[in-house]
Structure formats: C-alpha cells, structure tokens
Amino acid sequence: MEHGDVPPAGPYAGRESGRSTRVTLSESNGTGSGTRRVRTLWLVAAVAYAVDLGSKLAVVAGLEGRSPVPVLGSWLELRVQRNPGAAFGMGSATTIVFTLIALAVAAVIVRVSRKLTSTPWAIALGLLLGGAVGNLTDRLFRAPGGLRGAVVDFVAVRDFSVMNLADWAITCGGVLIVVLSFTGREPGDARRPREQAG
C-alpha cells in the first residue's frame, strides 16, 4: 500500500496523534514543574538573605558596643561579635578560603537549580544559597574588605557559639539535604514515580 499525503482512516488512526499530544503535555508539565521549583529556590534564598542582612544592620546599629541582651536568660542572648572565620569561629586565619568556598557553593547551587523538580530540595538549596550569599556579603563589604571582611554574629547560645541567621539558614539547609539524601530523594526525581508508572 502506497503512503500518500492523507493519513489512513480507521480505529487506530487517532492513536499516534493522541500519544504525541500526551508526550507534549507531559514535557510541558515537566518544564513547568521545574520552573516552579527554581522560583521556590530563589524565593527562599531571597527571603533568607533579606532577613539575614536586615538583622545584621539592625544589631550593628543598635547593639554593637553595648552589653548583651538576654533573650532566654544566660542561655540565649544577643551579643554582636565580628567573626573573620567560619561558623563557630573556626578558621579565623583563612578567611579568604571561606570566601572562595562560599562563591563556589553559590555557583554550584545556581547550576543545579536548572534541573530541580523537587520542592524540598529547592527549599534546602535556597536556604544554603541565601545563607552563603548573606555571609559572603560581609566578606566583601565589611572591614577589612578584600574578601577578608569579618562576618557579623549576634545570636549567642550558652556554651555553644555565636552565630547569625545566615549560619542558621545554612545549618537548616544542610540538615534537610542530609534527610533528603537518606530518604532517597534527589534534586530531579520528583516526577520519576509517575513517569515510571506511565
């Protein structure tokens, strides 16, 4: 039978076009899902960054050079401290190393975000990105500058450390990533069960 320009009629004639429609819709939904997750990541990162930056500006203006402000007695208090190292005051002699690490982490997260289809991963990476950029801002613009700026810490936990909200965002994001990894969730696997079932 010769193939012409007119598609063959019959009970199976519409199946191929229907299949094409379903594939197109599936691809479109997948793209839309990924876009929403990327937006979630950037929203979480922006909120984390804004809250961290605002809190640092507020405590530097209102608390630096003053006595600690107790929140939960001596267990939790607000006390401004300039930290040239990483969280918990580690590595104060290698400030520039932590600055470069923060830049690398931010670049990796931006690259991974293009393939995100998991909301929990978007939240986790958003927290990491917002926290990393928050502390990176201090490294770049606070004294002494030149990638060596001291980070503003102000949340003092008794017998533990003095941290800031960027540190807490990074910690929460890291814990969430560990949980997601142990439960088998991957950044791009949100639609996998449905696709395998189909």
N, C-alpha and C. Protein backbone atom coordinates (compact mmCIF):
# COMPACT_ATOMS: atom_id res chain seq x y z
N MET A 1 0.85 -1.19 0.00
CA MET A 1 0.00 0.00 0.00
C MET A 1 0.88 1.24 0.00
N GLU A 2 0.63 2.16 -0.94
CA GLU A 2 1.44 3.36 -1.06
C GLU A 2 1.02 4.39 -0.01
N HIS A 3 2.01 5.11 0.53
CA HIS A 3 1.71 6.16 1.50
C HIS A 3 1.45 7.46 0.77
N GLY A 4 0.35 8.08 1.05
CA GLY A 4 0.01 9.35 0.44
C GLY A 4 0.08 10.47 1.45
N ASP A 5 -0.44 11.59 1.02
CA ASP A 5 -0.44 12.73 1.90
C ASP A 5 -1.55 12.66 2.94
N VAL A 6 -2.58 11.86 2.69
CA VAL A 6 -3.72 11.77 3.59
C VAL A 6 -3.49 10.64 4.57
N PRO A 7 -3.58 10.85 5.90
CA PRO A 7 -3.36 9.78 6.87
C PRO A 7 -4.44 8.73 6.76
N PRO A 8 -4.10 7.45 7.01
CA PRO A 8 -5.08 6.38 6.89
C PRO A 8 -6.18 6.51 7.92
N ALA A 9 -7.39 6.18 7.50
CA ALA A 9 -8.54 6.20 8.40
C ALA A 9 -8.67 4.85 9.07
N GLY A 10 -9.43 4.79 10.15
CA GLY A 10 -9.64 3.52 10.83
C GLY A 10 -9.62 3.70 12.33
N PRO A 11 -9.82 2.61 13.07
CA PRO A 11 -9.92 2.70 14.53
C PRO A 11 -8.62 3.11 15.20
N TYR A 12 -7.45 2.93 14.53
CA TYR A 12 -6.17 3.26 15.14
C TYR A 12 -5.60 4.59 14.64
N ALA A 13 -6.37 5.28 13.81
CA ALA A 13 -5.83 6.46 13.15
C ALA A 13 -5.47 7.56 14.13
N GLY A 14 -6.25 7.71 15.21
CA GLY A 14 -6.03 8.82 16.14
C GLY A 14 -5.07 8.50 17.26
N ARG A 15 -4.59 7.25 17.33
CA ARG A 15 -3.77 6.88 18.48
C ARG A 15 -2.42 7.59 18.48
N GLU A 16 -1.81 7.69 17.30
CA GLU A 16 -0.49 8.30 17.22
C GLU A 16 -0.55 9.77 17.59
N SER A 17 -1.58 10.47 17.09
CA SER A 17 -1.71 11.88 17.42
C SER A 17 -2.02 12.07 18.90
N GLY A 18 -2.84 11.15 19.45
CA GLY A 18 -3.14 11.24 20.88
C GLY A 18 -1.90 11.03 21.71
N ARG A 19 -1.07 10.07 21.28
CA ARG A 19 0.18 9.81 22.00
C ARG A 19 1.09 11.02 21.95
N SER A 20 1.18 11.65 20.77
CA SER A 20 2.02 12.83 20.63
C SER A 20 1.53 13.95 21.54
N THR A 21 0.20 14.08 21.64
CA THR A 21 -0.37 15.11 22.50
C THR A 21 0.00 14.88 23.95
N ARG A 22 -0.11 13.58 24.37
CA ARG A 22 0.22 13.26 25.76
C ARG A 22 1.69 13.52 26.05
N VAL A 23 2.58 13.17 25.12
CA VAL A 23 4.01 13.39 25.31
C VAL A 23 4.30 14.88 25.42
N THR A 24 3.65 15.66 24.53
CA THR A 24 3.86 17.10 24.55
C THR A 24 3.40 17.70 25.87
N LEU A 25 2.21 17.27 26.34
CA LEU A 25 1.69 17.78 27.60
C LEU A 25 2.57 17.39 28.76
N SER A 26 3.09 16.15 28.72
CA SER A 26 3.97 15.68 29.79
C SER A 26 5.24 16.50 29.85
N GLU A 27 5.84 16.74 28.68
CA GLU A 27 7.06 17.53 28.64
C GLU A 27 6.80 18.95 29.12
N SER A 28 5.63 19.49 28.72
CA SER A 28 5.29 20.85 29.13
C SER A 28 5.11 20.93 30.64
N ASN A 29 4.40 19.92 31.22
CA ASN A 29 4.20 19.92 32.66
C ASN A 29 5.52 19.77 33.39
N GLY A 30 6.43 18.94 32.85
CA GLY A 30 7.74 18.77 33.48
C GLY A 30 8.51 20.06 33.50
N THR A 31 8.48 20.79 32.38
CA THR A 31 9.17 22.07 32.32
C THR A 31 8.57 23.06 33.30
N GLY A 32 7.23 23.09 33.36
CA GLY A 32 6.56 23.98 34.30
C GLY A 32 6.89 23.66 35.73
N SER A 33 6.94 22.37 36.04
CA SER A 33 7.28 21.94 37.40
C SER A 33 8.68 22.39 37.78
N GLY A 34 9.63 22.20 36.85
CA GLY A 34 10.99 22.63 37.12
C GLY A 34 11.09 24.12 37.33
N THR A 35 10.35 24.89 36.53
CA THR A 35 10.36 26.34 36.66
C THR A 35 9.83 26.77 38.02
N ARG A 36 8.76 26.12 38.49
CA ARG A 36 8.20 26.46 39.80
C ARG A 36 9.20 26.16 40.91
N ARG A 37 9.92 25.05 40.79
CA ARG A 37 10.89 24.71 41.82
C ARG A 37 12.05 25.72 41.84
N VAL A 38 12.47 26.16 40.66
CA VAL A 38 13.53 27.17 40.59
C VAL A 38 13.05 28.47 41.24
N ARG A 39 11.81 28.83 40.99
CA ARG A 39 11.26 30.04 41.62
C ARG A 39 11.22 29.88 43.13
N THR A 40 10.85 28.69 43.58
CA THR A 40 10.84 28.43 45.03
C THR A 40 12.22 28.60 45.62
N LEU A 41 13.23 28.05 44.94
CA LEU A 41 14.61 28.17 45.42
C LEU A 41 15.00 29.64 45.55
N TRP A 42 14.75 30.42 44.50
CA TRP A 42 15.16 31.82 44.53
C TRP A 42 14.36 32.62 45.56
N LEU A 43 13.10 32.26 45.76
CA LEU A 43 12.29 32.96 46.77
C LEU A 43 12.83 32.68 48.17
N VAL A 44 13.10 31.41 48.46
CA VAL A 44 13.65 31.05 49.77
C VAL A 44 15.00 31.73 49.98
N ALA A 45 15.85 31.71 48.94
CA ALA A 45 17.17 32.34 49.05
C ALA A 45 17.03 33.84 49.30
N ALA A 46 16.11 34.49 48.59
CA ALA A 46 15.93 35.93 48.74
C ALA A 46 15.44 36.28 50.14
N VAL A 47 14.49 35.49 50.65
CA VAL A 47 13.96 35.75 52.00
C VAL A 47 15.06 35.54 53.04
N ALA A 48 15.80 34.43 52.92
CA ALA A 48 16.88 34.15 53.87
C ALA A 48 17.93 35.26 53.85
N TYR A 49 18.28 35.71 52.65
CA TYR A 49 19.28 36.77 52.53
C TYR A 49 18.76 38.08 53.12
N ALA A 50 17.52 38.43 52.80
CA ALA A 50 16.96 39.70 53.28
C ALA A 50 16.85 39.72 54.80
N VAL A 51 16.39 38.61 55.38
CA VAL A 51 16.26 38.54 56.83
C VAL A 51 17.63 38.63 57.50
N ASP A 52 18.61 37.93 56.93
CA ASP A 52 19.96 37.97 57.49
C ASP A 52 20.55 39.37 57.40
N LEU A 53 20.45 39.99 56.24
CA LEU A 53 21.02 41.32 56.05
C LEU A 53 20.34 42.34 56.96
N GLY A 54 19.00 42.28 57.01
CA GLY A 54 18.28 43.22 57.86
C GLY A 54 18.62 43.07 59.33
N SER A 55 18.75 41.82 59.78
CA SER A 55 19.07 41.58 61.18
C SER A 55 20.47 42.08 61.52
N LYS A 56 21.42 41.90 60.61
CA LYS A 56 22.78 42.38 60.86
C LYS A 56 22.84 43.90 60.93
N LEU A 57 22.15 44.55 60.00
CA LEU A 57 22.13 46.01 60.03
C LEU A 57 21.51 46.52 61.32
N ALA A 58 20.45 45.84 61.78
CA ALA A 58 19.76 46.28 63.00
C ALA A 58 20.63 46.10 64.24
N VAL A 59 21.28 44.94 64.37
CA VAL A 59 22.06 44.70 65.59
C VAL A 59 23.34 45.53 65.61
N VAL A 60 23.93 45.77 64.45
CA VAL A 60 25.13 46.62 64.42
C VAL A 60 24.77 48.04 64.84
N ALA A 61 23.62 48.52 64.36
CA ALA A 61 23.20 49.88 64.69
C ALA A 61 22.74 50.01 66.14
N GLY A 62 22.12 48.95 66.67
CA GLY A 62 21.52 49.08 68.00
C GLY A 62 22.24 48.40 69.14
N LEU A 63 23.11 47.42 68.83
CA LEU A 63 23.69 46.63 69.92
C LEU A 63 25.21 46.64 69.98
N GLU A 64 25.87 46.96 68.89
CA GLU A 64 27.33 46.87 68.90
C GLU A 64 27.93 47.84 69.92
N GLY A 65 28.83 47.31 70.73
CA GLY A 65 29.46 48.13 71.76
C GLY A 65 28.66 48.21 73.04
N ARG A 66 27.53 47.54 73.09
CA ARG A 66 26.68 47.57 74.28
C ARG A 66 26.68 46.21 74.98
N SER A 67 26.09 46.19 76.15
CA SER A 67 26.01 44.94 76.91
C SER A 67 25.08 43.96 76.22
N PRO A 68 25.32 42.64 76.38
CA PRO A 68 24.46 41.63 75.76
C PRO A 68 23.01 41.77 76.22
N VAL A 69 22.09 41.44 75.33
CA VAL A 69 20.67 41.49 75.64
C VAL A 69 20.17 40.07 75.86
N PRO A 70 19.76 39.71 77.08
CA PRO A 70 19.29 38.34 77.33
C PRO A 70 17.95 38.09 76.66
N VAL A 71 17.82 36.93 76.04
CA VAL A 71 16.56 36.51 75.42
C VAL A 71 15.94 35.38 76.24
N LEU A 72 16.76 34.39 76.57
CA LEU A 72 16.35 33.30 77.47
C LEU A 72 17.37 33.22 78.60
N GLY A 73 17.37 34.24 79.41
CA GLY A 73 18.34 34.29 80.50
C GLY A 73 19.75 34.32 79.95
N SER A 74 20.62 33.52 80.57
CA SER A 74 22.01 33.44 80.11
C SER A 74 22.19 32.36 79.05
N TRP A 75 21.11 31.64 78.73
CA TRP A 75 21.21 30.54 77.76
C TRP A 75 21.21 31.05 76.33
N LEU A 76 20.48 32.13 76.09
CA LEU A 76 20.41 32.71 74.74
C LEU A 76 20.37 34.22 74.87
N GLU A 77 21.31 34.88 74.21
CA GLU A 77 21.35 36.33 74.28
C GLU A 77 21.86 36.91 72.97
N LEU A 78 21.59 38.18 72.79
CA LEU A 78 22.05 38.90 71.60
C LEU A 78 23.31 39.66 71.96
N ARG A 79 24.39 39.34 71.24
CA ARG A 79 25.69 39.96 71.51
C ARG A 79 26.47 40.06 70.20
N VAL A 80 26.77 41.27 69.77
CA VAL A 80 27.44 41.47 68.49
C VAL A 80 28.91 41.06 68.59
N GLN A 81 29.31 40.26 67.62
CA GLN A 81 30.71 39.81 67.57
C GLN A 81 31.15 39.74 66.11
N ARG A 82 32.31 40.26 65.80
CA ARG A 82 32.86 40.21 64.44
C ARG A 82 33.69 38.94 64.30
N ASN A 83 33.34 38.13 63.32
CA ASN A 83 33.99 36.82 63.15
C ASN A 83 34.69 36.75 61.80
N PRO A 84 36.02 36.71 61.76
CA PRO A 84 36.74 36.60 60.49
C PRO A 84 36.79 35.19 59.94
N GLY A 85 36.35 34.20 60.73
CA GLY A 85 36.41 32.81 60.30
C GLY A 85 35.07 32.29 59.85
N ALA A 86 34.88 30.97 59.99
CA ALA A 86 33.63 30.33 59.61
C ALA A 86 32.72 30.27 60.83
N ALA A 87 31.65 29.48 60.71
CA ALA A 87 30.75 29.29 61.83
C ALA A 87 31.52 28.70 63.01
N PHE A 88 31.06 29.02 64.22
CA PHE A 88 31.70 28.56 65.45
C PHE A 88 33.10 29.18 65.64
N GLY A 89 33.44 30.22 64.83
CA GLY A 89 34.72 30.89 64.99
C GLY A 89 35.91 30.11 64.45
N MET A 90 35.65 29.10 63.65
CA MET A 90 36.75 28.28 63.13
C MET A 90 37.44 28.96 61.96
N GLY A 91 38.75 28.75 61.83
CA GLY A 91 39.50 29.18 60.66
C GLY A 91 39.63 30.67 60.50
N SER A 92 39.82 31.39 61.59
CA SER A 92 39.92 32.85 61.50
C SER A 92 41.14 33.30 60.71
N ALA A 93 42.13 32.43 60.56
CA ALA A 93 43.35 32.80 59.83
C ALA A 93 43.23 32.54 58.33
N THR A 94 42.14 31.92 57.91
CA THR A 94 41.97 31.57 56.49
C THR A 94 40.66 32.12 55.96
N THR A 95 40.39 33.38 56.25
CA THR A 95 39.12 34.00 55.85
C THR A 95 38.88 33.90 54.35
N ILE A 96 39.91 34.17 53.56
CA ILE A 96 39.74 34.19 52.11
C ILE A 96 39.34 32.82 51.58
N VAL A 97 39.76 31.76 52.24
CA VAL A 97 39.39 30.41 51.82
C VAL A 97 37.89 30.21 51.94
N PHE A 98 37.30 30.66 53.05
CA PHE A 98 35.87 30.52 53.24
C PHE A 98 35.09 31.39 52.25
N THR A 99 35.67 32.52 51.89
CA THR A 99 35.03 33.37 50.89
C THR A 99 34.97 32.66 49.55
N LEU A 100 36.06 32.03 49.14
CA LEU A 100 36.09 31.30 47.87
C LEU A 100 35.16 30.09 47.92
N ILE A 101 35.08 29.43 49.07
CA ILE A 101 34.17 28.29 49.20
C ILE A 101 32.73 28.75 49.04
N ALA A 102 32.39 29.89 49.65
CA ALA A 102 31.03 30.43 49.52
C ALA A 102 30.70 30.75 48.07
N LEU A 103 31.66 31.32 47.35
CA LEU A 103 31.44 31.61 45.93
C LEU A 103 31.22 30.33 45.14
N ALA A 104 32.00 29.29 45.43
CA ALA A 104 31.86 28.01 44.73
C ALA A 104 30.52 27.37 45.03
N VAL A 105 30.10 27.40 46.30
CA VAL A 105 28.81 26.82 46.68
C VAL A 105 27.68 27.52 45.95
N ALA A 106 27.72 28.84 45.91
CA ALA A 106 26.67 29.59 45.22
C ALA A 106 26.63 29.23 43.73
N ALA A 107 27.79 29.10 43.11
CA ALA A 107 27.84 28.75 41.68
C ALA A 107 27.27 27.36 41.44
N VAL A 108 27.61 26.41 42.30
CA VAL A 108 27.10 25.04 42.14
C VAL A 108 25.59 25.00 42.29
N ILE A 109 25.07 25.71 43.28
CA ILE A 109 23.62 25.72 43.51
C ILE A 109 22.89 26.31 42.31
N VAL A 110 23.41 27.40 41.77
CA VAL A 110 22.79 28.01 40.59
C VAL A 110 22.77 27.03 39.43
N ARG A 111 23.84 26.28 39.27
CA ARG A 111 23.90 25.31 38.17
C ARG A 111 22.92 24.16 38.39
N VAL A 112 22.86 23.63 39.61
CA VAL A 112 21.97 22.52 39.92
C VAL A 112 20.50 22.94 39.80
N SER A 113 20.21 24.19 40.09
CA SER A 113 18.82 24.66 40.11
C SER A 113 18.12 24.49 38.78
N ARG A 114 18.87 24.41 37.69
CA ARG A 114 18.26 24.29 36.36
C ARG A 114 17.53 22.97 36.18
N LYS A 115 17.90 21.96 36.97
CA LYS A 115 17.30 20.63 36.82
C LYS A 115 16.41 20.26 38.00
N LEU A 116 16.08 21.21 38.83
CA LEU A 116 15.29 20.92 40.03
C LEU A 116 13.84 20.58 39.69
N THR A 117 13.33 19.50 40.27
CA THR A 117 11.90 19.19 40.20
C THR A 117 11.38 18.78 41.57
N SER A 118 12.18 18.98 42.60
CA SER A 118 11.80 18.59 43.96
C SER A 118 11.68 19.83 44.83
N THR A 119 10.49 20.04 45.40
CA THR A 119 10.28 21.21 46.26
C THR A 119 11.15 21.18 47.51
N PRO A 120 11.24 20.04 48.24
CA PRO A 120 12.12 20.03 49.42
C PRO A 120 13.57 20.38 49.09
N TRP A 121 14.05 19.88 47.94
CA TRP A 121 15.42 20.23 47.54
C TRP A 121 15.52 21.71 47.20
N ALA A 122 14.49 22.26 46.59
CA ALA A 122 14.50 23.69 46.27
C ALA A 122 14.59 24.52 47.55
N ILE A 123 13.86 24.11 48.58
CA ILE A 123 13.90 24.82 49.86
C ILE A 123 15.28 24.69 50.50
N ALA A 124 15.81 23.47 50.51
CA ALA A 124 17.13 23.23 51.12
C ALA A 124 18.22 24.04 50.43
N LEU A 125 18.24 23.99 49.10
CA LEU A 125 19.26 24.73 48.36
C LEU A 125 19.05 26.23 48.47
N GLY A 126 17.80 26.66 48.56
CA GLY A 126 17.52 28.08 48.74
C GLY A 126 18.06 28.59 50.07
N LEU A 127 17.90 27.78 51.13
CA LEU A 127 18.46 28.16 52.43
C LEU A 127 19.98 28.25 52.37
N LEU A 128 20.59 27.26 51.72
CA LEU A 128 22.05 27.27 51.58
C LEU A 128 22.52 28.50 50.80
N LEU A 129 21.85 28.77 49.69
CA LEU A 129 22.26 29.89 48.84
C LEU A 129 22.08 31.22 49.56
N GLY A 130 20.92 31.41 50.19
CA GLY A 130 20.68 32.66 50.90
C GLY A 130 21.66 32.88 52.03
N GLY A 131 21.95 31.80 52.79
CA GLY A 131 22.91 31.92 53.88
C GLY A 131 24.32 32.18 53.39
N ALA A 132 24.72 31.47 52.33
CA ALA A 132 26.07 31.65 51.79
C ALA A 132 26.27 33.07 51.27
N VAL A 133 25.28 33.58 50.54
CA VAL A 133 25.40 34.94 50.00
C VAL A 133 25.34 35.97 51.12
N GLY A 134 24.56 35.67 52.17
CA GLY A 134 24.49 36.59 53.31
C GLY A 134 25.85 36.79 53.95
N ASN A 135 26.54 35.70 54.25
CA ASN A 135 27.88 35.82 54.84
C ASN A 135 28.90 36.33 53.83
N LEU A 136 28.69 35.97 52.55
CA LEU A 136 29.60 36.46 51.51
C LEU A 136 29.54 37.98 51.40
N THR A 137 28.37 38.54 51.60
CA THR A 137 28.23 40.00 51.57
C THR A 137 29.11 40.65 52.63
N ASP A 138 29.13 40.05 53.82
CA ASP A 138 30.02 40.57 54.87
C ASP A 138 31.48 40.46 54.46
N ARG A 139 31.84 39.33 53.87
CA ARG A 139 33.24 39.13 53.45
C ARG A 139 33.68 40.20 52.45
N LEU A 140 32.76 40.60 51.60
CA LEU A 140 33.11 41.53 50.53
C LEU A 140 33.08 42.99 50.97
N PHE A 141 32.13 43.35 51.85
CA PHE A 141 31.88 44.76 52.10
C PHE A 141 32.20 45.24 53.51
N ARG A 142 32.43 44.34 54.44
CA ARG A 142 32.77 44.79 55.79
C ARG A 142 34.28 44.80 55.97
N ALA A 143 34.74 45.59 56.94
CA ALA A 143 36.17 45.71 57.21
C ALA A 143 36.76 44.36 57.61
N PRO A 144 37.99 44.08 57.17
CA PRO A 144 38.90 44.95 56.40
C PRO A 144 38.68 44.88 54.89
N GLY A 145 37.67 44.14 54.40
CA GLY A 145 37.37 44.08 52.98
C GLY A 145 38.30 43.16 52.22
N GLY A 146 38.20 43.21 50.89
CA GLY A 146 39.07 42.41 50.04
C GLY A 146 38.94 40.92 50.25
N LEU A 147 37.71 40.44 50.35
CA LEU A 147 37.40 39.02 50.59
C LEU A 147 37.74 38.57 52.00
N ARG A 148 38.16 39.52 52.85
CA ARG A 148 38.58 39.17 54.21
C ARG A 148 37.70 39.83 55.28
N GLY A 149 36.55 40.34 54.87
CA GLY A 149 35.68 41.02 55.82
C GLY A 149 35.20 40.10 56.94
N ALA A 150 35.01 40.67 58.12
CA ALA A 150 34.55 39.89 59.28
C ALA A 150 33.02 39.81 59.26
N VAL A 151 32.51 38.61 59.45
CA VAL A 151 31.07 38.38 59.47
C VAL A 151 30.49 38.83 60.80
N VAL A 152 29.31 39.43 60.76
CA VAL A 152 28.63 39.87 61.98
C VAL A 152 27.84 38.71 62.57
N ASP A 153 28.21 38.28 63.76
CA ASP A 153 27.47 37.26 64.51
C ASP A 153 26.82 37.93 65.71
N PHE A 154 25.65 37.42 66.11
CA PHE A 154 24.98 38.08 67.24
C PHE A 154 24.06 37.17 68.04
N VAL A 155 23.81 35.96 67.61
CA VAL A 155 22.96 35.03 68.36
C VAL A 155 23.89 34.15 69.20
N ALA A 156 23.98 34.44 70.48
CA ALA A 156 24.91 33.73 71.36
C ALA A 156 24.17 32.67 72.16
N VAL A 157 24.55 31.41 71.94
CA VAL A 157 23.98 30.29 72.68
C VAL A 157 25.00 29.85 73.72
N ARG A 158 24.56 29.74 74.94
CA ARG A 158 25.47 29.43 76.05
C ARG A 158 26.23 28.13 75.81
N ASP A 159 27.52 28.16 76.05
CA ASP A 159 28.41 27.00 75.91
C ASP A 159 28.38 26.41 74.50
N PHE A 160 28.02 27.22 73.51
CA PHE A 160 27.96 26.71 72.14
C PHE A 160 28.72 27.62 71.19
N SER A 161 28.09 28.67 70.73
CA SER A 161 28.74 29.55 69.75
C SER A 161 27.92 30.82 69.57
N VAL A 162 28.52 31.79 68.91
CA VAL A 162 27.82 33.00 68.49
C VAL A 162 27.65 32.91 66.98
N MET A 163 26.42 32.96 66.51
CA MET A 163 26.13 32.77 65.10
C MET A 163 25.25 33.90 64.59
N ASN A 164 24.91 33.84 63.31
CA ASN A 164 23.95 34.78 62.74
C ASN A 164 22.87 33.99 62.01
N LEU A 165 21.90 34.68 61.44
CA LEU A 165 20.79 33.99 60.79
C LEU A 165 21.22 33.29 59.51
N ALA A 166 22.27 33.80 58.86
CA ALA A 166 22.80 33.11 57.68
C ALA A 166 23.36 31.74 58.07
N ASP A 167 24.06 31.69 59.21
CA ASP A 167 24.58 30.41 59.69
C ASP A 167 23.45 29.42 59.97
N TRP A 168 22.37 29.92 60.58
CA TRP A 168 21.23 29.05 60.87
C TRP A 168 20.57 28.57 59.59
N ALA A 169 20.48 29.45 58.59
CA ALA A 169 19.90 29.04 57.30
C ALA A 169 20.74 27.95 56.65
N ILE A 170 22.07 28.12 56.69
CA ILE A 170 22.97 27.11 56.12
C ILE A 170 22.83 25.79 56.88
N THR A 171 22.75 25.87 58.21
CA THR A 171 22.61 24.67 59.02
C THR A 171 21.31 23.94 58.71
N CYS A 172 20.21 24.67 58.66
CA CYS A 172 18.91 24.05 58.37
C CYS A 172 18.90 23.45 56.96
N GLY A 173 19.46 24.17 55.99
CA GLY A 173 19.54 23.64 54.64
C GLY A 173 20.38 22.38 54.57
N GLY A 174 21.50 22.37 55.29
CA GLY A 174 22.37 21.19 55.30
C GLY A 174 21.69 19.99 55.93
N VAL A 175 20.99 20.20 57.05
CA VAL A 175 20.27 19.11 57.71
C VAL A 175 19.19 18.55 56.79
N LEU A 176 18.46 19.44 56.10
CA LEU A 176 17.41 19.00 55.19
C LEU A 176 17.99 18.19 54.04
N ILE A 177 19.14 18.58 53.53
CA ILE A 177 19.79 17.83 52.45
C ILE A 177 20.18 16.43 52.92
N VAL A 178 20.70 16.34 54.14
CA VAL A 178 21.06 15.02 54.69
C VAL A 178 19.82 14.13 54.80
N VAL A 179 18.72 14.70 55.29
CA VAL A 179 17.48 13.92 55.42
C VAL A 179 16.98 13.47 54.05
N LEU A 180 17.00 14.37 53.08
CA LEU A 180 16.54 14.02 51.73
C LEU A 180 17.42 12.95 51.11
N SER A 181 18.71 13.03 51.34
CA SER A 181 19.63 12.03 50.79
C SER A 181 19.40 10.67 51.41
N PHE A 182 19.17 10.62 52.72
CA PHE A 182 18.95 9.35 53.39
C PHE A 182 17.61 8.73 53.00
N THR A 183 16.64 9.54 52.62
CA THR A 183 15.33 9.02 52.21
C THR A 183 15.26 8.74 50.71
N GLY A 184 16.37 8.91 50.01
CA GLY A 184 16.42 8.57 48.60
C GLY A 184 15.87 9.62 47.66
N ARG A 185 15.58 10.81 48.17
CA ARG A 185 15.09 11.88 47.30
C ARG A 185 16.26 12.57 46.62
N GLU A 186 16.12 12.82 45.32
CA GLU A 186 17.15 13.50 44.56
C GLU A 186 16.60 14.82 44.03
N PRO A 187 17.48 15.77 43.70
CA PRO A 187 17.01 17.08 43.24
C PRO A 187 16.08 17.02 42.04
N GLY A 188 16.27 16.02 41.17
CA GLY A 188 15.46 15.96 39.95
C GLY A 188 14.54 14.78 39.86
N ASP A 189 14.14 14.20 41.01
CA ASP A 189 13.37 12.95 40.92
C ASP A 189 11.91 13.09 41.30
N ALA A 190 11.39 14.31 41.42
CA ALA A 190 10.04 14.48 41.91
C ALA A 190 9.01 13.82 41.02
N ARG A 191 9.22 13.78 39.70
CA ARG A 191 8.24 13.23 38.77
C ARG A 191 8.56 11.79 38.38
N ARG A 192 9.66 11.23 38.91
CA ARG A 192 10.10 9.93 38.46
C ARG A 192 9.08 8.81 38.68
N PRO A 193 8.45 8.69 39.90
CA PRO A 193 7.50 7.61 40.09
C PRO A 193 6.35 7.65 39.11
N ARG A 194 5.81 8.84 38.83
CA ARG A 194 4.70 8.95 37.91
C ARG A 194 5.12 8.57 36.50
N GLU A 195 6.32 9.00 36.09
CA GLU A 195 6.79 8.68 34.74
C GLU A 195 7.03 7.19 34.59
N GLN A 196 7.57 6.54 35.65
CA GLN A 196 7.81 5.11 35.56
C GLN A 196 6.49 4.36 35.50
N ALA A 197 5.48 4.85 36.23
CA ALA A 197 4.19 4.18 36.21
C ALA A 197 3.54 4.26 34.85
N GLY A 198 3.79 5.38 34.14
CA GLY A 198 3.21 5.56 32.81
C GLY A 198 3.94 4.75 31.79
